[in-house]
């Protein structure tokens, strides 16, 4: 089965080699630098899907499972999991690869909520998402549950 145009734009894969300027005092890639890269990936995936500029609304559940070492190839696998009216969840899985040993490790997972904006910076509608298989349905359902938890937390804070 071939993917539709919309489905092609739901996914994004980006890779970057880690360099010494990304290192923290321990010699590994600094968590803040990784967050910046993740934000770039979430932006690219969300903007590509929506066909509009997007901004970061929230970052959920950033898990730093393992360090990323200088010199490794880091690949970000991003996917739009859920779409609301103007917002969408972009899930990102991070794989670090030692280019000499070819050993790959799943180092991080996170979820970004991105909002599409018009040329005046106001939220604007994004295309609805179409579910084609069980994996997409599972991701949609999990993203919807995370969204509902965020909304409840926001309400509990009185905002």
C-alpha atoms as a PDB file:
ATOM      1  CA  UNK A   1       0.000   0.000   0.000  1.00  0.00           C
ATOM      2  CA  UNK A   2       1.467   3.357  -0.949  1.00  0.00           C
ATOM      3  CA  UNK A   3       1.316   6.313   1.407  1.00  0.00           C
ATOM      4  CA  UNK A   4      -0.891   9.267   0.632  1.00  0.00           C
ATOM      5  CA  UNK A   5       0.565  12.767   0.261  1.00  0.00           C
ATOM      6  CA  UNK A   6      -0.813  13.688   3.724  1.00  0.00           C
ATOM      7  CA  UNK A   7       0.719  10.602   5.256  1.00  0.00           C
ATOM      8  CA  UNK A   8       4.115  11.313   3.696  1.00  0.00           C
ATOM      9  CA  UNK A   9       4.070  14.704   5.421  1.00  0.00           C
ATOM     10  CA  UNK A  10       3.162  13.220   8.813  1.00  0.00           C
ATOM     11  CA  UNK A  11       6.649  11.743   9.227  1.00  0.00           C
ATOM     12  CA  UNK A  12      10.070  13.349   9.266  1.00  0.00           C
ATOM     13  CA  UNK A  13      13.546  11.924   9.745  1.00  0.00           C
ATOM     14  CA  UNK A  14      16.544  14.174  10.429  1.00  0.00           C
ATOM     15  CA  UNK A  15      20.119  13.297  11.337  1.00  0.00           C
ATOM     16  CA  UNK A  16      23.009  15.286  12.751  1.00  0.00           C
ATOM     17  CA  UNK A  17      26.544  14.397  13.752  1.00  0.00           C
ATOM     18  CA  UNK A  18      27.439  15.492  17.281  1.00  0.00           C
ATOM     19  CA  UNK A  19      30.485  17.737  17.618  1.00  0.00           C
ATOM     20  CA  UNK A  20      32.695  18.889  20.518  1.00  0.00           C
ATOM     21  CA  UNK A  21      30.941  22.275  20.734  1.00  0.00           C
ATOM     22  CA  UNK A  22      27.784  20.397  21.843  1.00  0.00           C
ATOM     23  CA  UNK A  23      29.485  18.810  24.876  1.00  0.00           C
ATOM     24  CA  UNK A  24      28.675  19.466  28.512  1.00  0.00           C
ATOM     25  CA  UNK A  25      31.303  19.412  31.282  1.00  0.00           C
ATOM     26  CA  UNK A  26      31.104  15.626  31.375  1.00  0.00           C
ATOM     27  CA  UNK A  27      31.992  15.329  27.701  1.00  0.00           C
ATOM     28  CA  UNK A  28      28.571  14.148  26.536  1.00  0.00           C
ATOM     29  CA  UNK A  29      26.074  16.089  24.444  1.00  0.00           C
ATOM     30  CA  UNK A  30      24.523  18.778  26.638  1.00  0.00           C
ATOM     31  CA  UNK A  31      20.833  18.165  27.414  1.00  0.00           C
ATOM     32  CA  UNK A  32      20.016  21.764  26.519  1.00  0.00           C
ATOM     33  CA  UNK A  33      21.596  21.360  23.111  1.00  0.00           C
ATOM     34  CA  UNK A  34      19.591  18.189  22.547  1.00  0.00           C
ATOM     35  CA  UNK A  35      16.394  20.040  23.517  1.00  0.00           C
ATOM     36  CA  UNK A  36      17.213  22.725  20.951  1.00  0.00           C
ATOM     37  CA  UNK A  37      17.709  20.082  18.260  1.00  0.00           C
ATOM     38  CA  UNK A  38      14.438  18.417  19.293  1.00  0.00           C
ATOM     39  CA  UNK A  39      12.617  21.739  18.993  1.00  0.00           C
ATOM     40  CA  UNK A  40      14.005  22.191  15.465  1.00  0.00           C
ATOM     41  CA  UNK A  41      12.819  18.702  14.514  1.00  0.00           C
ATOM     42  CA  UNK A  42       9.361  19.291  16.030  1.00  0.00           C
ATOM     43  CA  UNK A  43       9.111  22.570  14.129  1.00  0.00           C
ATOM     44  CA  UNK A  44      10.130  20.979  10.825  1.00  0.00           C
ATOM     45  CA  UNK A  45       7.736  18.052  11.251  1.00  0.00           C
ATOM     46  CA  UNK A  46       4.796  20.212  12.357  1.00  0.00           C
ATOM     47  CA  UNK A  47       5.327  22.908   9.719  1.00  0.00           C
ATOM     48  CA  UNK A  48       5.726  20.291   7.007  1.00  0.00           C
ATOM     49  CA  UNK A  49       2.484  18.585   8.008  1.00  0.00           C
ATOM     50  CA  UNK A  50       0.455  21.772   8.481  1.00  0.00           C
ATOM     51  CA  UNK A  51       1.943  23.705   5.590  1.00  0.00           C
ATOM     52  CA  UNK A  52       2.170  26.676   7.951  1.00  0.00           C
ATOM     53  CA  UNK A  53       4.521  28.183  10.511  1.00  0.00           C
ATOM     54  CA  UNK A  54       4.243  26.515  13.898  1.00  0.00           C
ATOM     55  CA  UNK A  55       5.322  27.473  17.396  1.00  0.00           C
ATOM     56  CA  UNK A  56       6.056  25.322  20.428  1.00  0.00           C
ATOM     57  CA  UNK A  57       3.271  25.289  23.009  1.00  0.00           C
ATOM     58  CA  UNK A  58       4.628  22.587  25.321  1.00  0.00           C
ATOM     59  CA  UNK A  59       7.155  19.818  25.669  1.00  0.00           C
ATOM     60  CA  UNK A  60       6.006  16.690  27.478  1.00  0.00           C
ATOM     61  CA  UNK A  61       7.811  13.726  28.859  1.00  0.00           C
ATOM     62  CA  UNK A  62      11.388  14.247  27.754  1.00  0.00           C
ATOM     63  CA  UNK A  63      13.098  11.040  28.772  1.00  0.00           C
ATOM     64  CA  UNK A  64      16.916  11.045  28.756  1.00  0.00           C
ATOM     65  CA  UNK A  65      17.438   7.287  28.798  1.00  0.00           C
ATOM     66  CA  UNK A  66      21.146   7.319  27.918  1.00  0.00           C
ATOM     67  CA  UNK A  67      23.823   9.909  27.185  1.00  0.00           C
ATOM     68  CA  UNK A  68      24.698  10.860  23.637  1.00  0.00           C
ATOM     69  CA  UNK A  69      28.421  10.984  22.986  1.00  0.00           C
ATOM     70  CA  UNK A  70      30.368  13.447  20.877  1.00  0.00           C
ATOM     71  CA  UNK A  71      31.017  11.930  17.451  1.00  0.00           C
ATOM     72  CA  UNK A  72      27.794   9.913  17.310  1.00  0.00           C
ATOM     73  CA  UNK A  73      25.241  10.270  14.539  1.00  0.00           C
ATOM     74  CA  UNK A  74      21.910  11.257  16.083  1.00  0.00           C
ATOM     75  CA  UNK A  75      18.777  10.473  14.106  1.00  0.00           C
ATOM     76  CA  UNK A  76      15.415  11.952  15.035  1.00  0.00           C
ATOM     77  CA  UNK A  77      12.299  10.076  13.957  1.00  0.00           C
ATOM     78  CA  UNK A  78       9.351  12.463  14.221  1.00  0.00           C
ATOM     79  CA  UNK A  79       5.674  11.836  13.651  1.00  0.00           C
ATOM     80  CA  UNK A  80       2.505  13.909  13.960  1.00  0.00           C
ATOM     81  CA  UNK A  81       0.491  11.708  16.323  1.00  0.00           C
ATOM     82  CA  UNK A  82      -2.559  13.873  16.973  1.00  0.00           C
ATOM     83  CA  UNK A  83      -4.166  16.945  15.447  1.00  0.00           C
ATOM     84  CA  UNK A  84      -6.646  19.285  17.102  1.00  0.00           C
ATOM     85  CA  UNK A  85      -8.063  22.428  15.537  1.00  0.00           C
ATOM     86  CA  UNK A  86      -4.866  24.517  15.569  1.00  0.00           C
ATOM     87  CA  UNK A  87      -2.441  22.289  17.459  1.00  0.00           C
ATOM     88  CA  UNK A  88      -0.751  18.971  16.914  1.00  0.00           C
ATOM     89  CA  UNK A  89       1.421  16.576  18.892  1.00  0.00           C
ATOM     90  CA  UNK A  90       4.768  15.651  17.384  1.00  0.00           C
ATOM     91  CA  UNK A  91       6.372  12.575  18.911  1.00  0.00           C
ATOM     92  CA  UNK A  92      10.125  12.210  18.514  1.00  0.00           C
ATOM     93  CA  UNK A  93      12.273   9.112  19.003  1.00  0.00           C
ATOM     94  CA  UNK A  94      16.030   9.679  19.142  1.00  0.00           C
ATOM     95  CA  UNK A  95      18.575   7.074  18.078  1.00  0.00           C
ATOM     96  CA  UNK A  96      22.313   7.601  18.606  1.00  0.00           C
ATOM     97  CA  UNK A  97      24.703   5.598  16.448  1.00  0.00           C
ATOM     98  CA  UNK A  98      28.386   5.029  16.985  1.00  0.00           C
ATOM     99  CA  UNK A  99      29.642   5.265  13.414  1.00  0.00           C
ATOM    100  CA  UNK A 100      32.697   3.092  14.066  1.00  0.00           C
ATOM    101  CA  UNK A 101      30.977   0.187  15.834  1.00  0.00           C
ATOM    102  CA  UNK A 102      27.585   0.734  14.140  1.00  0.00           C
ATOM    103  CA  UNK A 103      25.871   0.192  17.481  1.00  0.00           C
ATOM    104  CA  UNK A 104      22.593   2.080  17.741  1.00  0.00           C
ATOM    105  CA  UNK A 105      20.891   3.102  20.995  1.00  0.00           C
ATOM    106  CA  UNK A 106      17.443   4.544  21.685  1.00  0.00           C
ATOM    107  CA  UNK A 107      18.448   7.492  23.872  1.00  0.00           C
ATOM    108  CA  UNK A 108      15.426   9.764  24.081  1.00  0.00           C
ATOM    109  CA  UNK A 109      11.695  10.063  23.522  1.00  0.00           C
ATOM    110  CA  UNK A 110       9.582  13.191  23.831  1.00  0.00           C
ATOM    111  CA  UNK A 111       6.358  14.837  22.752  1.00  0.00           C
ATOM    112  CA  UNK A 112       5.999  18.430  21.548  1.00  0.00           C
ATOM    113  CA  UNK A 113       2.717  20.281  21.157  1.00  0.00           C
ATOM    114  CA  UNK A 114       2.992  22.665  18.229  1.00  0.00           C
ATOM    115  CA  UNK A 115       0.462  25.340  17.237  1.00  0.00           C
ATOM    116  CA  UNK A 116       0.034  26.506  13.641  1.00  0.00           C
ATOM    117  CA  UNK A 117       0.069  30.285  13.253  1.00  0.00           C
ATOM    118  CA  UNK A 118      -0.815  32.661  10.435  1.00  0.00           C
ATOM    119  CA  UNK A 119       1.313  35.558   9.203  1.00  0.00           C
ATOM    120  CA  UNK A 120       0.105  37.687  12.130  1.00  0.00           C
ATOM    121  CA  UNK A 121       1.093  35.047  14.699  1.00  0.00           C
ATOM    122  CA  UNK A 122      -2.515  34.011  15.430  1.00  0.00           C
ATOM    123  CA  UNK A 123      -3.473  30.324  15.745  1.00  0.00           C
ATOM    124  CA  UNK A 124      -4.840  28.907  12.512  1.00  0.00           C
ATOM    125  CA  UNK A 125      -6.412  25.604  11.521  1.00  0.00           C
ATOM    126  CA  UNK A 126      -4.360  22.593  10.553  1.00  0.00           C
ATOM    127  CA  UNK A 127      -5.470  19.764   8.270  1.00  0.00           C
ATOM    128  CA  UNK A 128      -7.233  16.909  10.078  1.00  0.00           C
ATOM    129  CA  UNK A 129      -5.297  13.701  10.522  1.00  0.00           C
ATOM    130  CA  UNK A 130      -6.380  10.446   8.918  1.00  0.00           C
ATOM    131  CA  UNK A 131      -5.716   7.143  10.666  1.00  0.00           C
ATOM    132  CA  UNK A 132      -4.633   4.309   8.350  1.00  0.00           C
ATOM    133  CA  UNK A 133      -3.415   1.564  10.684  1.00  0.00           C
ATOM    134  CA  UNK A 134      -3.272   0.249  14.273  1.00  0.00           C
ATOM    135  CA  UNK A 135       0.034   1.977  15.071  1.00  0.00           C
ATOM    136  CA  UNK A 136      -1.330   5.356  14.027  1.00  0.00           C
ATOM    137  CA  UNK A 137      -4.507   4.713  16.044  1.00  0.00           C
ATOM    138  CA  UNK A 138      -2.481   3.783  19.145  1.00  0.00           C
ATOM    139  CA  UNK A 139      -0.320   6.903  18.793  1.00  0.00           C
ATOM    140  CA  UNK A 140      -3.436   9.046  18.271  1.00  0.00           C
ATOM    141  CA  UNK A 141      -5.161   7.600  21.354  1.00  0.00           C
ATOM    142  CA  UNK A 142      -2.052   8.001  23.539  1.00  0.00           C
ATOM    143  CA  UNK A 143      -1.540  11.583  22.307  1.00  0.00           C
ATOM    144  CA  UNK A 144      -5.177  12.403  22.986  1.00  0.00           C
ATOM    145  CA  UNK A 145      -4.812  11.092  26.557  1.00  0.00           C
ATOM    146  CA  UNK A 146      -1.671  13.217  27.072  1.00  0.00           C
ATOM    147  CA  UNK A 147      -3.557  16.249  25.731  1.00  0.00           C
ATOM    148  CA  UNK A 148      -6.436  15.657  28.133  1.00  0.00           C
ATOM    149  CA  UNK A 149      -3.980  15.370  31.055  1.00  0.00           C
ATOM    150  CA  UNK A 150      -2.331  18.677  30.041  1.00  0.00           C
ATOM    151  CA  UNK A 151      -5.707  20.388  29.880  1.00  0.00           C
ATOM    152  CA  UNK A 152      -6.640  19.057  33.330  1.00  0.00           C
ATOM    153  CA  UNK A 153      -3.304  20.179  34.814  1.00  0.00           C
ATOM    154  CA  UNK A 154      -3.786  23.622  33.268  1.00  0.00           C
ATOM    155  CA  UNK A 155      -7.269  23.877  34.799  1.00  0.00           C
ATOM    156  CA  UNK A 156      -5.993  22.730  38.217  1.00  0.00           C
ATOM    157  CA  UNK A 157      -3.495  25.581  38.210  1.00  0.00           C
ATOM    158  CA  UNK A 158      -6.394  28.005  37.819  1.00  0.00           C
ATOM    159  CA  UNK A 159      -5.418  29.394  34.452  1.00  0.00           C
END
